[in-house]
């Protein structure tokens, strides 16, 4: 089974606040209290470098750009090396007409429809992700830096290595260990 990376754009490949206007519906721009000249997809080359050792990884677009700007337009914004990996989007058919409540629901539904069992999501939207599935999500939490946020690129590389080696992604998260309370220690209950 081919490993899949579900890819979001906003908050991952560039800052999270991207908008289009009625006068320029096909010209998304980064905002920061107003329109800026900040480059879109500025971290795409970083993603290319991270994915380079993992030739088997395919990309499914989970970005809302597909719903707003269309699949072809969205794909064409990616550099060729990433575009070649794209095998589709979560926003098709029923999901396009009636989007699920959360991105997690949309990704899980798409993975089920595709029969994908080895997948990872790169997305800043953490709403609705069950704790027991967080291992499958790499989520930058700095809306401005996204993938360039310190530690995120390394986390993605490590998760991709596990995914491509067929190892459980659950192993990438720290395991909770029980630390006995003072009462447990005093009374020998721990």
Protein backbone atom coordinates (compact mmCIF):
# COMPACT_ATOMS: atom_id res chain seq x y z
CA UNK A 1 0.00 0.00 0.00
CA UNK A 2 1.38 3.39 -1.03
CA UNK A 3 1.89 5.86 1.84
CA UNK A 4 -0.12 9.09 1.55
CA UNK A 5 0.47 12.58 2.88
CA UNK A 6 -2.71 14.66 3.25
CA UNK A 7 -1.52 18.21 2.58
CA UNK A 8 -3.00 21.51 3.71
CA UNK A 9 -1.58 24.82 2.44
CA UNK A 10 -2.63 27.65 4.78
CA UNK A 11 -0.68 27.63 8.02
CA UNK A 12 1.62 24.94 6.58
CA UNK A 13 3.20 26.07 3.29
CA UNK A 14 2.67 29.77 4.04
CA UNK A 15 0.95 31.86 6.76
CA UNK A 16 -2.58 30.84 7.68
CA UNK A 17 -4.46 34.02 6.79
CA UNK A 18 -4.91 33.80 3.02
CA UNK A 19 -7.82 35.47 1.28
CA UNK A 20 -9.24 36.21 -2.12
CA UNK A 21 -11.34 39.23 -3.02
CA UNK A 22 -14.40 39.57 -5.22
CA UNK A 23 -12.39 41.72 -7.64
CA UNK A 24 -9.56 39.13 -7.83
CA UNK A 25 -11.14 35.74 -7.07
CA UNK A 26 -8.18 33.77 -8.50
CA UNK A 27 -5.46 35.77 -6.74
CA UNK A 28 -5.05 34.57 -3.15
CA UNK A 29 -2.95 36.79 -0.90
CA UNK A 30 -1.45 36.52 2.55
CA UNK A 31 -2.96 38.94 5.05
CA UNK A 32 -1.58 40.14 8.35
CA UNK A 33 -3.98 42.87 9.32
CA UNK A 34 -4.07 43.75 5.62
CA UNK A 35 -2.83 42.47 2.28
CA UNK A 36 0.91 41.74 2.21
CA UNK A 37 3.42 40.80 -0.46
CA UNK A 38 4.33 37.70 1.53
CA UNK A 39 4.94 34.79 -0.90
CA UNK A 40 2.41 32.01 -1.18
CA UNK A 41 3.72 28.43 -0.91
CA UNK A 42 7.05 29.75 0.40
CA UNK A 43 7.71 26.48 2.25
CA UNK A 44 7.01 24.22 -0.75
CA UNK A 45 10.77 23.84 -1.45
CA UNK A 46 11.25 22.71 2.16
CA UNK A 47 8.50 20.13 1.73
CA UNK A 48 10.16 18.95 -1.50
CA UNK A 49 13.46 18.42 0.36
CA UNK A 50 11.73 16.57 3.20
CA UNK A 51 9.89 14.27 0.77
CA UNK A 52 12.94 13.63 -1.48
CA UNK A 53 14.11 10.48 0.38
CA UNK A 54 10.56 9.10 0.37
CA UNK A 55 9.87 8.52 -3.32
CA UNK A 56 6.81 6.34 -2.69
CA UNK A 57 4.84 8.98 -0.78
CA UNK A 58 1.86 10.35 -2.69
CA UNK A 59 -0.01 13.56 -1.85
CA UNK A 60 -3.74 14.04 -1.46
CA UNK A 61 -4.71 17.71 -1.25
CA UNK A 62 -6.74 18.47 1.87
CA UNK A 63 -6.46 22.24 1.53
CA UNK A 64 -9.62 24.34 1.30
CA UNK A 65 -8.06 25.96 -1.76
CA UNK A 66 -9.56 23.13 -3.80
CA UNK A 67 -13.09 24.00 -2.65
CA UNK A 68 -12.59 27.73 -3.24
CA UNK A 69 -10.27 27.87 -6.27
CA UNK A 70 -10.70 24.46 -7.91
CA UNK A 71 -8.52 21.37 -8.11
CA UNK A 72 -6.61 22.21 -11.30
CA UNK A 73 -5.80 25.77 -10.23
CA UNK A 74 -4.65 24.56 -6.80
CA UNK A 75 -2.47 21.82 -8.25
CA UNK A 76 -0.85 24.21 -10.71
CA UNK A 77 0.34 26.42 -7.85
CA UNK A 78 2.61 23.64 -6.56
CA UNK A 79 6.16 23.14 -7.84
CA UNK A 80 6.48 20.32 -10.39
CA UNK A 81 8.16 17.91 -7.96
CA UNK A 82 5.19 18.12 -5.58
CA UNK A 83 2.60 18.22 -8.36
CA UNK A 84 3.91 14.87 -9.66
CA UNK A 85 3.08 13.27 -6.31
CA UNK A 86 -0.53 14.51 -6.17
CA UNK A 87 -3.08 11.73 -6.72
CA UNK A 88 -6.24 13.65 -5.82
CA UNK A 89 -8.06 15.66 -3.23
CA UNK A 90 -10.39 15.01 -0.34
CA UNK A 91 -12.78 17.58 -1.83
CA UNK A 92 -14.56 15.52 -4.46
CA UNK A 93 -17.99 14.05 -4.99
CA UNK A 94 -20.15 14.02 -1.88
CA UNK A 95 -17.46 15.67 0.26
CA UNK A 96 -17.36 18.66 -2.07
CA UNK A 97 -21.13 19.10 -1.89
CA UNK A 98 -21.53 18.29 1.82
CA UNK A 99 -18.24 18.83 3.63
CA UNK A 100 -17.78 16.93 6.89
CA UNK A 101 -17.75 18.78 10.18
CA UNK A 102 -13.96 18.62 10.61
CA UNK A 103 -10.88 18.18 8.43
CA UNK A 104 -10.12 14.99 10.33
CA UNK A 105 -13.54 13.59 9.32
CA UNK A 106 -12.87 14.52 5.68
CA UNK A 107 -9.42 12.93 5.70
CA UNK A 108 -10.62 9.77 7.45
CA UNK A 109 -13.51 9.46 4.97
CA UNK A 110 -11.15 9.91 2.02
CA UNK A 111 -8.67 7.36 3.41
CA UNK A 112 -11.51 4.86 3.82
CA UNK A 113 -12.79 5.53 0.28
CA UNK A 114 -9.29 5.10 -1.19
CA UNK A 115 -8.49 2.06 0.95
CA UNK A 116 -5.47 3.92 2.34
CA UNK A 117 -4.21 2.52 5.62
CA UNK A 118 -0.78 4.19 5.73
CA UNK A 119 -1.30 7.94 5.86
CA UNK A 120 -0.15 11.07 7.60
CA UNK A 121 -1.66 14.58 7.60
CA UNK A 122 0.29 17.85 7.49
CA UNK A 123 -2.32 20.36 8.61
CA UNK A 124 -2.65 23.23 11.06
CA UNK A 125 -6.32 22.42 11.70
CA UNK A 126 -6.41 20.24 14.81
CA UNK A 127 -10.13 20.58 15.51
CA UNK A 128 -11.90 17.26 15.86
CA UNK A 129 -8.78 15.08 15.86
CA UNK A 130 -9.36 12.33 18.41
CA UNK A 131 -6.50 11.91 20.87
CA UNK A 132 -6.03 8.31 19.76
CA UNK A 133 -5.41 9.50 16.15
CA UNK A 134 -3.08 12.47 16.90
CA UNK A 135 -0.09 10.36 15.91
CA UNK A 136 -1.21 10.71 12.27
CA UNK A 137 -1.12 14.53 12.38
CA UNK A 138 1.84 16.88 12.03
CA UNK A 139 0.38 20.23 13.05
CA UNK A 140 2.40 23.43 13.07
CA UNK A 141 0.93 25.68 15.76
CA UNK A 142 2.55 28.92 14.67
CA UNK A 143 0.16 30.31 12.06
CA UNK A 144 2.88 32.46 10.48
CA UNK A 145 5.78 29.97 10.20
CA UNK A 146 3.93 26.75 9.40
CA UNK A 147 6.31 24.04 8.19
CA UNK A 148 9.30 26.33 8.93
CA UNK A 149 8.37 26.43 12.63
CA UNK A 150 11.32 25.00 14.57
CA UNK A 151 10.99 21.25 14.99
CA UNK A 152 8.10 20.72 12.57
CA UNK A 153 10.22 19.70 9.55
CA UNK A 154 12.13 17.19 11.71
CA UNK A 155 8.88 15.83 13.13
CA UNK A 156 7.53 15.37 9.60
CA UNK A 157 10.74 13.64 8.43
CA UNK A 158 10.67 11.23 11.36
CA UNK A 159 6.99 10.44 10.85
CA UNK A 160 7.54 9.85 7.12
CA UNK A 161 10.42 7.50 7.89
CA UNK A 162 8.15 5.44 10.15
CA UNK A 163 5.30 5.54 7.63
CA UNK A 164 7.50 4.40 4.74
CA UNK A 165 9.15 1.69 6.83
CA UNK A 166 5.71 0.30 7.66
CA UNK A 167 6.22 0.98 11.36
CA UNK A 168 3.37 2.20 13.57
CA UNK A 169 3.12 5.97 13.72
CA UNK A 170 1.91 5.65 17.30
CA UNK A 171 5.53 5.06 18.30
CA UNK A 172 6.47 8.64 17.39
CA UNK A 173 4.49 10.12 20.28
CA UNK A 174 5.85 10.01 23.79
CA UNK A 175 4.21 7.31 25.85
CA UNK A 176 2.60 8.48 29.05
CA UNK A 177 4.23 7.02 32.10
CA UNK A 178 2.54 6.80 35.44
CA UNK A 179 4.29 8.84 38.10
CA UNK A 180 3.08 7.73 41.52
CA UNK A 181 1.53 10.41 43.67
CA UNK A 182 2.82 11.17 47.14
CA UNK A 183 -0.09 9.18 48.64
CA UNK A 184 0.72 6.19 46.42
CA UNK A 185 4.38 6.34 47.40
CA UNK A 186 3.70 6.69 51.14
CA UNK A 187 1.17 3.88 51.26
CA UNK A 188 2.90 1.68 48.71
CA UNK A 189 -0.01 1.88 46.26
CA UNK A 190 2.07 2.82 43.19
